[in-house]
Amino acid sequence: MLTKTLRFDDDVLDVLKGLRVERENGGYIGYLEGQLDRDLYVRTNKALEVLGGKWNRKAKGHTFAADPRDALADMLDSGEATVVKDGWFPTPRAVVERMLDLVPVDPGGMILEPSAGEGHICDVLCMDYGLDPAEWFFCFEQDRRRARVLAEKGYRVECGDFLSYFPPPHFSRIYMNPPFEAGQDIDHVRHAYDFLKPGGALVAVMSEGPFFRGDKRATAFREWLAEVGGQSHPLPPDSFKESGTGVNTRLVVIHRGEG
């Protein structure tokens, strides 16, 4: 992961001290006090975006998926915040629906979403299948703010690096959209396979790189994918446009044998 530390001016921090946070409509809304000049608002808005806030014209405040007050307290105490560049792009509903076409939910098994972000994949499964977040799902998420979002939605979540965990294989379904930087999708998919119980199935969003690059890592992945009987299905161009990226992607499907 790439990280960048941002420092904020004292006048921005003074404005943030007056941020009023309220719980509304299943999320949080932060309200600023008074009218800010354009320059100060732009700099303050950047700080709020780092905290996970997004301006909502209708609410006349910044909306947050998780309670931002702990992170805000850290920012006010240090005057800075660390931004993690981990290549997170939420999975659009259309992509999740295609994943479910390829790997339908197992009505009797546990579901894993590694690198779950804010739970966009799990959310669709809960809404469309009426599944209980706490009963059916387990998530990994390395970003603390996004892990709090998952926990507040009711998912069981482990905040940490998915690649550092080695639990027994007991998941019947894995739906995943791993990070792509530096070939991480290769590592995440191969690691996730070990979490599948016999008879289970995995479907993962992957970049195109592992399927055409000639380096040893990509070549070894293609050989491994063939060995486990995996298949890949290219997604239409701009499938992730609404999430802010035009990267070409495909879905990889792997069924683990009963033996």
C-alpha atoms as a PDB file:
ATOM      1  CA  MET A   1       0.000   0.000   0.000  1.00  0.00           C
ATOM      2  CA  LEU A   2       1.057   3.561  -0.648  1.00  0.00           C
ATOM      3  CA  THR A   3       0.560   6.125   2.110  1.00  0.00           C
ATOM      4  CA  LYS A   4       0.717   9.895   2.230  1.00  0.00           C
ATOM      5  CA  THR A   5       0.649  12.085   5.328  1.00  0.00           C
ATOM      6  CA  LEU A   6      -1.313  15.321   5.007  1.00  0.00           C
ATOM      7  CA  ARG A   7      -0.947  18.257   7.377  1.00  0.00           C
ATOM      8  CA  PHE A   8      -3.770  20.717   7.894  1.00  0.00           C
ATOM      9  CA  ASP A   9      -3.547  24.437   8.623  1.00  0.00           C
ATOM     10  CA  ASP A  10      -4.537  25.800  12.016  1.00  0.00           C
ATOM     11  CA  ASP A  11      -7.532  27.664  10.580  1.00  0.00           C
ATOM     12  CA  VAL A  12      -8.857  24.400   9.124  1.00  0.00           C
ATOM     13  CA  LEU A  13      -8.398  22.642  12.458  1.00  0.00           C
ATOM     14  CA  ASP A  14     -10.209  25.480  14.208  1.00  0.00           C
ATOM     15  CA  VAL A  15     -13.195  24.998  11.901  1.00  0.00           C
ATOM     16  CA  LEU A  16     -13.169  21.236  12.459  1.00  0.00           C
ATOM     17  CA  LYS A  17     -13.278  21.726  16.226  1.00  0.00           C
ATOM     18  CA  GLY A  18     -16.803  23.019  15.740  1.00  0.00           C
ATOM     19  CA  LEU A  19     -17.972  20.102  13.580  1.00  0.00           C
ATOM     20  CA  ARG A  20     -21.273  18.775  14.922  1.00  0.00           C
ATOM     21  CA  VAL A  21     -21.811  15.079  14.154  1.00  0.00           C
ATOM     22  CA  GLU A  22     -25.254  13.505  14.346  1.00  0.00           C
ATOM     23  CA  ARG A  23     -26.516   9.988  13.643  1.00  0.00           C
ATOM     24  CA  GLU A  24     -29.097  10.092  10.867  1.00  0.00           C
ATOM     25  CA  ASN A  25     -30.609   7.578   8.425  1.00  0.00           C
ATOM     26  CA  GLY A  26     -28.250   4.765   9.350  1.00  0.00           C
ATOM     27  CA  GLY A  27     -25.137   6.923   8.890  1.00  0.00           C
ATOM     28  CA  TYR A  28     -23.634  10.128  10.207  1.00  0.00           C
ATOM     29  CA  ILE A  29     -23.823  13.744   9.107  1.00  0.00           C
ATOM     30  CA  GLY A  30     -21.319  16.420  10.069  1.00  0.00           C
ATOM     31  CA  TYR A  31     -22.426  20.046  10.168  1.00  0.00           C
ATOM     32  CA  LEU A  32     -19.985  22.958  10.034  1.00  0.00           C
ATOM     33  CA  GLU A  33     -20.655  26.137  11.946  1.00  0.00           C
ATOM     34  CA  GLY A  34     -20.952  29.477  10.169  1.00  0.00           C
ATOM     35  CA  GLN A  35     -20.127  30.543   6.630  1.00  0.00           C
ATOM     36  CA  LEU A  36     -16.613  29.931   5.332  1.00  0.00           C
ATOM     37  CA  ASP A  37     -14.851  31.818   2.568  1.00  0.00           C
ATOM     38  CA  ARG A  38     -14.128  29.808  -0.561  1.00  0.00           C
ATOM     39  CA  ASP A  39     -10.457  29.074   0.154  1.00  0.00           C
ATOM     40  CA  LEU A  40     -11.059  27.957   3.729  1.00  0.00           C
ATOM     41  CA  TYR A  41     -14.018  25.807   2.705  1.00  0.00           C
ATOM     42  CA  VAL A  42     -11.994  24.023  -0.001  1.00  0.00           C
ATOM     43  CA  ARG A  43      -9.220  23.196   2.465  1.00  0.00           C
ATOM     44  CA  THR A  44     -11.705  22.132   5.148  1.00  0.00           C
ATOM     45  CA  ASN A  45     -13.630  19.995   2.677  1.00  0.00           C
ATOM     46  CA  LYS A  46     -10.396  18.167   1.807  1.00  0.00           C
ATOM     47  CA  ALA A  47      -9.885  17.329   5.473  1.00  0.00           C
ATOM     48  CA  LEU A  48     -13.466  16.079   5.751  1.00  0.00           C
ATOM     49  CA  GLU A  49     -12.989  13.887   2.672  1.00  0.00           C
ATOM     50  CA  VAL A  50      -9.910  12.349   4.309  1.00  0.00           C
ATOM     51  CA  LEU A  51     -12.177  11.473   7.245  1.00  0.00           C
ATOM     52  CA  GLY A  52     -14.565   9.760   4.826  1.00  0.00           C
ATOM     53  CA  GLY A  53     -17.033  12.616   4.445  1.00  0.00           C
ATOM     54  CA  LYS A  54     -18.912  13.572   1.308  1.00  0.00           C
ATOM     55  CA  TRP A  55     -20.859  16.789   0.846  1.00  0.00           C
ATOM     56  CA  ASN A  56     -24.604  16.246   0.629  1.00  0.00           C
ATOM     57  CA  ARG A  57     -26.443  19.250  -0.729  1.00  0.00           C
ATOM     58  CA  LYS A  58     -29.852  18.035   0.446  1.00  0.00           C
ATOM     59  CA  ALA A  59     -28.661  17.395   4.001  1.00  0.00           C
ATOM     60  CA  LYS A  60     -26.551  20.577   3.982  1.00  0.00           C
ATOM     61  CA  GLY A  61     -23.749  18.676   5.619  1.00  0.00           C
ATOM     62  CA  HIS A  62     -21.087  16.027   5.041  1.00  0.00           C
ATOM     63  CA  THR A  63     -22.302  12.440   5.192  1.00  0.00           C
ATOM     64  CA  PHE A  64     -20.184   9.654   6.677  1.00  0.00           C
ATOM     65  CA  ALA A  65     -20.752   5.899   6.486  1.00  0.00           C
ATOM     66  CA  ALA A  66     -19.044   5.451   9.875  1.00  0.00           C
ATOM     67  CA  ASP A  67     -18.717   7.671  12.934  1.00  0.00           C
ATOM     68  CA  PRO A  68     -15.823  10.059  12.132  1.00  0.00           C
ATOM     69  CA  ARG A  69     -15.331  11.433  15.655  1.00  0.00           C
ATOM     70  CA  ASP A  70     -12.432   9.194  16.726  1.00  0.00           C
ATOM     71  CA  ALA A  71     -10.502   9.914  13.524  1.00  0.00           C
ATOM     72  CA  LEU A  72     -11.380  13.598  13.864  1.00  0.00           C
ATOM     73  CA  ALA A  73      -9.991  13.658  17.400  1.00  0.00           C
ATOM     74  CA  ASP A  74      -6.718  12.141  16.127  1.00  0.00           C
ATOM     75  CA  MET A  75      -6.559  14.753  13.361  1.00  0.00           C
ATOM     76  CA  LEU A  76      -7.168  17.614  15.781  1.00  0.00           C
ATOM     77  CA  ASP A  77      -4.564  16.233  18.184  1.00  0.00           C
ATOM     78  CA  SER A  78      -1.794  15.781  15.615  1.00  0.00           C
ATOM     79  CA  GLY A  79      -2.804  18.271  12.945  1.00  0.00           C
ATOM     80  CA  GLU A  80      -2.355  15.606  10.287  1.00  0.00           C
ATOM     81  CA  ALA A  81      -3.805  12.421   8.811  1.00  0.00           C
ATOM     82  CA  THR A  82      -2.380   9.525   6.844  1.00  0.00           C
ATOM     83  CA  VAL A  83      -4.096   8.737   3.569  1.00  0.00           C
ATOM     84  CA  VAL A  84      -3.782   5.156   2.383  1.00  0.00           C
ATOM     85  CA  LYS A  85      -3.631   4.627  -1.382  1.00  0.00           C
ATOM     86  CA  ASP A  86      -4.767   1.021  -1.509  1.00  0.00           C
ATOM     87  CA  GLY A  87      -6.591   0.990  -4.812  1.00  0.00           C
ATOM     88  CA  TRP A  88     -10.035   0.599  -3.298  1.00  0.00           C
ATOM     89  CA  PHE A  89     -12.810   0.930  -5.860  1.00  0.00           C
ATOM     90  CA  PRO A  90     -16.298  -0.063  -4.659  1.00  0.00           C
ATOM     91  CA  THR A  91     -17.868  -2.895  -6.637  1.00  0.00           C
ATOM     92  CA  PRO A  92     -20.837  -1.635  -8.698  1.00  0.00           C
ATOM     93  CA  ARG A  93     -24.125  -3.487  -8.334  1.00  0.00           C
ATOM     94  CA  ALA A  94     -24.058  -4.627 -11.979  1.00  0.00           C
ATOM     95  CA  VAL A  95     -20.707  -6.350 -11.358  1.00  0.00           C
ATOM     96  CA  VAL A  96     -22.000  -7.999  -8.176  1.00  0.00           C
ATOM     97  CA  GLU A  97     -25.039  -9.268 -10.073  1.00  0.00           C
ATOM     98  CA  ARG A  98     -22.760 -10.791 -12.703  1.00  0.00           C
ATOM     99  CA  MET A  99     -20.725 -12.427  -9.916  1.00  0.00           C
ATOM    100  CA  LEU A 100     -23.924 -13.966  -8.572  1.00  0.00           C
ATOM    101  CA  ASP A 101     -24.889 -15.193 -12.043  1.00  0.00           C
ATOM    102  CA  LEU A 102     -21.626 -17.098 -12.164  1.00  0.00           C
ATOM    103  CA  VAL A 103     -21.569 -18.238  -8.517  1.00  0.00           C
ATOM    104  CA  PRO A 104     -25.022 -18.247  -6.884  1.00  0.00           C
ATOM    105  CA  VAL A 105     -25.283 -18.100  -3.102  1.00  0.00           C
ATOM    106  CA  ASP A 106     -25.090 -21.434  -1.287  1.00  0.00           C
ATOM    107  CA  PRO A 107     -28.169 -21.457   0.974  1.00  0.00           C
ATOM    108  CA  GLY A 108     -26.383 -23.459   3.656  1.00  0.00           C
ATOM    109  CA  GLY A 109     -22.847 -22.083   3.768  1.00  0.00           C
ATOM    110  CA  MET A 110     -20.741 -19.234   5.120  1.00  0.00           C
ATOM    111  CA  ILE A 111     -19.672 -16.343   2.870  1.00  0.00           C
ATOM    112  CA  LEU A 112     -16.309 -14.586   2.939  1.00  0.00           C
ATOM    113  CA  GLU A 113     -15.486 -11.196   1.456  1.00  0.00           C
ATOM    114  CA  PRO A 114     -11.755 -10.406   1.728  1.00  0.00           C
ATOM    115  CA  SER A 115     -10.714  -6.756   1.307  1.00  0.00           C
ATOM    116  CA  ALA A 116     -14.370  -5.952   1.810  1.00  0.00           C
ATOM    117  CA  GLY A 117     -14.127  -2.157   1.697  1.00  0.00           C
ATOM    118  CA  GLU A 118     -17.465  -0.847   2.941  1.00  0.00           C
ATOM    119  CA  GLY A 119     -19.289  -4.062   2.076  1.00  0.00           C
ATOM    120  CA  HIS A 120     -20.695  -3.263  -1.365  1.00  0.00           C
ATOM    121  CA  ILE A 121     -20.710  -6.920  -2.386  1.00  0.00           C
ATOM    122  CA  CYS A 122     -22.124  -8.188   0.909  1.00  0.00           C
ATOM    123  CA  ASP A 123     -24.758  -5.455   0.911  1.00  0.00           C
ATOM    124  CA  VAL A 124     -26.202  -6.678  -2.392  1.00  0.00           C
ATOM    125  CA  LEU A 125     -26.315 -10.255  -1.097  1.00  0.00           C
ATOM    126  CA  CYS A 126     -28.071  -9.124   2.085  1.00  0.00           C
ATOM    127  CA  MET A 127     -30.639  -7.035   0.230  1.00  0.00           C
ATOM    128  CA  ASP A 128     -31.374  -9.476  -2.595  1.00  0.00           C
ATOM    129  CA  TYR A 129     -31.319 -12.682  -0.558  1.00  0.00           C
ATOM    130  CA  GLY A 130     -32.483 -11.386   2.826  1.00  0.00           C
ATOM    131  CA  LEU A 131     -29.347 -12.641   4.584  1.00  0.00           C
ATOM    132  CA  ASP A 132     -28.379 -11.608   8.119  1.00  0.00           C
ATOM    133  CA  PRO A 133     -24.974  -9.836   8.080  1.00  0.00           C
ATOM    134  CA  ALA A 134     -23.882 -11.302  11.419  1.00  0.00           C
ATOM    135  CA  GLU A 135     -24.974 -14.849  10.621  1.00  0.00           C
ATOM    136  CA  TRP A 136     -23.824 -15.383   7.045  1.00  0.00           C
ATOM    137  CA  PHE A 137     -20.758 -13.226   6.460  1.00  0.00           C
ATOM    138  CA  PHE A 138     -17.170 -12.764   7.533  1.00  0.00           C
ATOM    139  CA  CYS A 139     -15.100  -9.883   6.200  1.00  0.00           C
ATOM    140  CA  PHE A 140     -11.482  -8.800   6.180  1.00  0.00           C
ATOM    141  CA  GLU A 141     -10.635  -5.119   5.764  1.00  0.00           C
ATOM    142  CA  GLN A 142      -7.284  -3.473   6.422  1.00  0.00           C
ATOM    143  CA  ASP A 143      -8.481   0.142   6.501  1.00  0.00           C
ATOM    144  CA  ARG A 144      -9.700   0.997  10.014  1.00  0.00           C
ATOM    145  CA  ARG A 145     -12.362   3.456   8.899  1.00  0.00           C
ATOM    146  CA  ARG A 146     -13.878   1.032   6.409  1.00  0.00           C
ATOM    147  CA  ALA A 147     -13.691  -1.773   8.985  1.00  0.00           C
ATOM    148  CA  ARG A 148     -15.779   0.404  11.311  1.00  0.00           C
ATOM    149  CA  VAL A 149     -18.329   0.867   8.519  1.00  0.00           C
ATOM    150  CA  LEU A 150     -18.583  -2.912   8.140  1.00  0.00           C
ATOM    151  CA  ALA A 151     -18.955  -3.441  11.883  1.00  0.00           C
ATOM    152  CA  GLU A 152     -21.682  -0.805  12.120  1.00  0.00           C
ATOM    153  CA  LYS A 153     -23.562  -2.589   9.347  1.00  0.00           C
ATOM    154  CA  GLY A 154     -23.501  -5.738  11.461  1.00  0.00           C
ATOM    155  CA  TYR A 155     -20.851  -7.763   9.628  1.00  0.00           C
ATOM    156  CA  ARG A 156     -18.264  -9.777  11.471  1.00  0.00           C
ATOM    157  CA  VAL A 157     -15.004  -8.178  10.423  1.00  0.00           C
ATOM    158  CA  GLU A 158     -11.315  -8.648  11.102  1.00  0.00           C
ATOM    159  CA  CYS A 159      -9.326  -5.428  10.655  1.00  0.00           C
ATOM    160  CA  GLY A 160      -6.011  -6.505   9.208  1.00  0.00           C
ATOM    161  CA  ASP A 161      -4.120  -7.721   6.156  1.00  0.00           C
ATOM    162  CA  PHE A 162      -6.012 -10.635   4.619  1.00  0.00           C
ATOM    163  CA  LEU A 163      -2.761 -12.202   3.386  1.00  0.00           C
ATOM    164  CA  SER A 164      -1.510 -12.591   6.963  1.00  0.00           C
ATOM    165  CA  TYR A 165      -4.399 -14.842   8.085  1.00  0.00           C
ATOM    166  CA  PHE A 166      -4.508 -18.614   7.755  1.00  0.00           C
ATOM    167  CA  PRO A 167      -7.786 -19.973   9.194  1.00  0.00           C
ATOM    168  CA  PRO A 168      -9.125 -23.430   8.287  1.00  0.00           C
ATOM    169  CA  PRO A 169     -10.970 -23.744   4.961  1.00  0.00           C
ATOM    170  CA  HIS A 170     -14.643 -23.517   5.929  1.00  0.00           C
ATOM    171  CA  PHE A 171     -16.257 -21.013   3.542  1.00  0.00           C
ATOM    172  CA  SER A 172     -18.639 -22.282   0.885  1.00  0.00           C
ATOM    173  CA  ARG A 173     -18.620 -19.007  -1.065  1.00  0.00           C
ATOM    174  CA  ILE A 174     -16.054 -16.243  -1.535  1.00  0.00           C
ATOM    175  CA  TYR A 175     -16.946 -13.028  -3.358  1.00  0.00           C
ATOM    176  CA  MET A 176     -14.024 -10.638  -3.687  1.00  0.00           C
ATOM    177  CA  ASN A 177     -12.664  -7.508  -5.330  1.00  0.00           C
ATOM    178  CA  PRO A 178      -9.007  -7.411  -4.243  1.00  0.00           C
ATOM    179  CA  PRO A 179      -6.500  -4.590  -4.777  1.00  0.00           C
ATOM    180  CA  PHE A 180      -4.720  -4.659  -8.136  1.00  0.00           C
ATOM    181  CA  GLU A 181      -1.529  -2.683  -7.434  1.00  0.00           C
ATOM    182  CA  ALA A 182       1.726  -4.579  -8.018  1.00  0.00           C
ATOM    183  CA  GLY A 183      -0.114  -7.794  -8.817  1.00  0.00           C
ATOM    184  CA  GLN A 184      -1.825  -8.027  -5.433  1.00  0.00           C
ATOM    185  CA  ASP A 185      -4.913  -9.545  -7.049  1.00  0.00           C
ATOM    186  CA  ILE A 186      -2.841 -12.626  -7.899  1.00  0.00           C
ATOM    187  CA  ASP A 187      -1.753 -13.073  -4.284  1.00  0.00           C
ATOM    188  CA  HIS A 188      -5.242 -12.443  -2.891  1.00  0.00           C
ATOM    189  CA  VAL A 189      -6.988 -14.915  -5.193  1.00  0.00           C
ATOM    190  CA  ARG A 190      -4.467 -17.684  -4.577  1.00  0.00           C
ATOM    191  CA  HIS A 191      -4.646 -17.088  -0.832  1.00  0.00           C
ATOM    192  CA  ALA A 192      -8.456 -16.973  -0.831  1.00  0.00           C
ATOM    193  CA  TYR A 193      -8.612 -20.380  -2.544  1.00  0.00           C
ATOM    194  CA  ASP A 194      -7.195 -21.947   0.619  1.00  0.00           C
ATOM    195  CA  PHE A 195     -10.215 -20.609   2.565  1.00  0.00           C
ATOM    196  CA  LEU A 196     -12.684 -22.628   0.462  1.00  0.00           C
ATOM    197  CA  LYS A 197     -14.078 -25.816   1.892  1.00  0.00           C
ATOM    198  CA  PRO A 198     -14.475 -28.792  -0.472  1.00  0.00           C
ATOM    199  CA  GLY A 199     -17.345 -28.108  -2.832  1.00  0.00           C
ATOM    200  CA  GLY A 200     -17.042 -24.365  -2.334  1.00  0.00           C
ATOM    201  CA  ALA A 201     -16.688 -21.701  -5.024  1.00  0.00           C
ATOM    202  CA  LEU A 202     -14.912 -18.402  -5.428  1.00  0.00           C
ATOM    203  CA  VAL A 203     -15.531 -15.489  -7.780  1.00  0.00           C
ATOM    204  CA  ALA A 204     -13.087 -12.589  -7.895  1.00  0.00           C
ATOM    205  CA  VAL A 205     -12.678  -9.355  -9.792  1.00  0.00           C
ATOM    206  CA  MET A 206      -9.199  -9.239 -11.328  1.00  0.00           C
ATOM    207  CA  SER A 207      -7.287  -6.886 -13.582  1.00  0.00           C
ATOM    208  CA  GLU A 208      -6.281  -7.916 -17.089  1.00  0.00           C
ATOM    209  CA  GLY A 209      -2.562  -7.877 -16.264  1.00  0.00           C
ATOM    210  CA  PRO A 210      -2.259 -11.438 -14.920  1.00  0.00           C
ATOM    211  CA  PHE A 211      -3.768 -12.781 -18.157  1.00  0.00           C
ATOM    212  CA  PHE A 212      -1.352 -11.264 -20.668  1.00  0.00           C
ATOM    213  CA  ARG A 213       1.872 -10.373 -18.832  1.00  0.00           C
ATOM    214  CA  GLY A 214       4.844 -12.620 -19.516  1.00  0.00           C
ATOM    215  CA  ASP A 215       6.614 -12.328 -16.157  1.00  0.00           C
ATOM    216  CA  LYS A 216       7.091 -15.398 -13.948  1.00  0.00           C
ATOM    217  CA  ARG A 217       4.438 -14.366 -11.432  1.00  0.00           C
ATOM    218  CA  ALA A 218       1.677 -13.885 -13.997  1.00  0.00           C
ATOM    219  CA  THR A 219       2.690 -17.007 -15.918  1.00  0.00           C
ATOM    220  CA  ALA A 220       2.670 -19.078 -12.720  1.00  0.00           C
ATOM    221  CA  PHE A 221      -0.783 -17.746 -11.858  1.00  0.00           C
ATOM    222  CA  ARG A 222      -2.225 -18.776 -15.225  1.00  0.00           C
ATOM    223  CA  GLU A 223      -0.712 -22.230 -14.835  1.00  0.00           C
ATOM    224  CA  TRP A 224      -2.134 -22.539 -11.314  1.00  0.00           C
ATOM    225  CA  LEU A 225      -5.563 -21.329 -12.461  1.00  0.00           C
ATOM    226  CA  ALA A 226      -5.630 -24.036 -15.120  1.00  0.00           C
ATOM    227  CA  GLU A 227      -4.577 -26.670 -12.578  1.00  0.00           C
ATOM    228  CA  VAL A 228      -7.492 -25.834 -10.254  1.00  0.00           C
ATOM    229  CA  GLY A 229      -9.950 -25.668 -13.142  1.00  0.00           C
ATOM    230  CA  GLY A 230     -10.526 -21.926 -12.911  1.00  0.00           C
ATOM    231  CA  GLN A 231     -12.233 -19.887 -15.606  1.00  0.00           C
ATOM    232  CA  SER A 232     -12.198 -16.189 -16.429  1.00  0.00           C
ATOM    233  CA  HIS A 233     -14.921 -13.984 -17.888  1.00  0.00           C
ATOM    234  CA  PRO A 234     -14.037 -10.510 -19.232  1.00  0.00           C
ATOM    235  CA  LEU A 235     -16.270  -7.704 -17.978  1.00  0.00           C
ATOM    236  CA  PRO A 236     -17.525  -4.967 -20.325  1.00  0.00           C
ATOM    237  CA  PRO A 237     -15.348  -1.862 -20.688  1.00  0.00           C
ATOM    238  CA  ASP A 238     -15.953   0.825 -18.039  1.00  0.00           C
ATOM    239  CA  SER A 239     -17.602  -1.637 -15.661  1.00  0.00           C
ATOM    240  CA  PHE A 240     -16.040   0.338 -12.793  1.00  0.00           C
ATOM    241  CA  LYS A 241     -16.585   3.803 -14.260  1.00  0.00           C
ATOM    242  CA  GLU A 242     -19.063   4.778 -11.535  1.00  0.00           C
ATOM    243  CA  SER A 243     -16.402   3.876  -8.965  1.00  0.00           C
ATOM    244  CA  GLY A 244     -13.853   6.216 -10.517  1.00  0.00           C
ATOM    245  CA  THR A 245     -11.665   3.990 -12.675  1.00  0.00           C
ATOM    246  CA  GLY A 246     -11.632   2.845 -16.298  1.00  0.00           C
ATOM    247  CA  VAL A 247      -9.366  -0.155 -15.702  1.00  0.00           C
ATOM    248  CA  ASN A 248     -10.301  -3.258 -17.676  1.00  0.00           C
ATOM    249  CA  THR A 249     -11.356  -6.162 -15.472  1.00  0.00           C
ATOM    250  CA  ARG A 250     -12.596  -9.718 -15.595  1.00  0.00           C
ATOM    251  CA  LEU A 251     -14.200 -12.213 -13.212  1.00  0.00           C
ATOM    252  CA  VAL A 252     -12.337 -15.335 -12.209  1.00  0.00           C
ATOM    253  CA  VAL A 253     -14.385 -18.329 -11.053  1.00  0.00           C
ATOM    254  CA  ILE A 254     -12.932 -21.316  -9.201  1.00  0.00           C
ATOM    255  CA  HIS A 255     -14.796 -24.335  -7.818  1.00  0.00           C
ATOM    256  CA  ARG A 256     -12.987 -26.434  -5.257  1.00  0.00           C
ATOM    257  CA  GLY A 257     -13.406 -30.176  -5.677  1.00  0.00           C
ATOM    258  CA  GLU A 258     -15.001 -32.384  -3.058  1.00  0.00           C
ATOM    259  CA  GLY A 259     -11.842 -34.431  -2.625  1.00  0.00           C
END
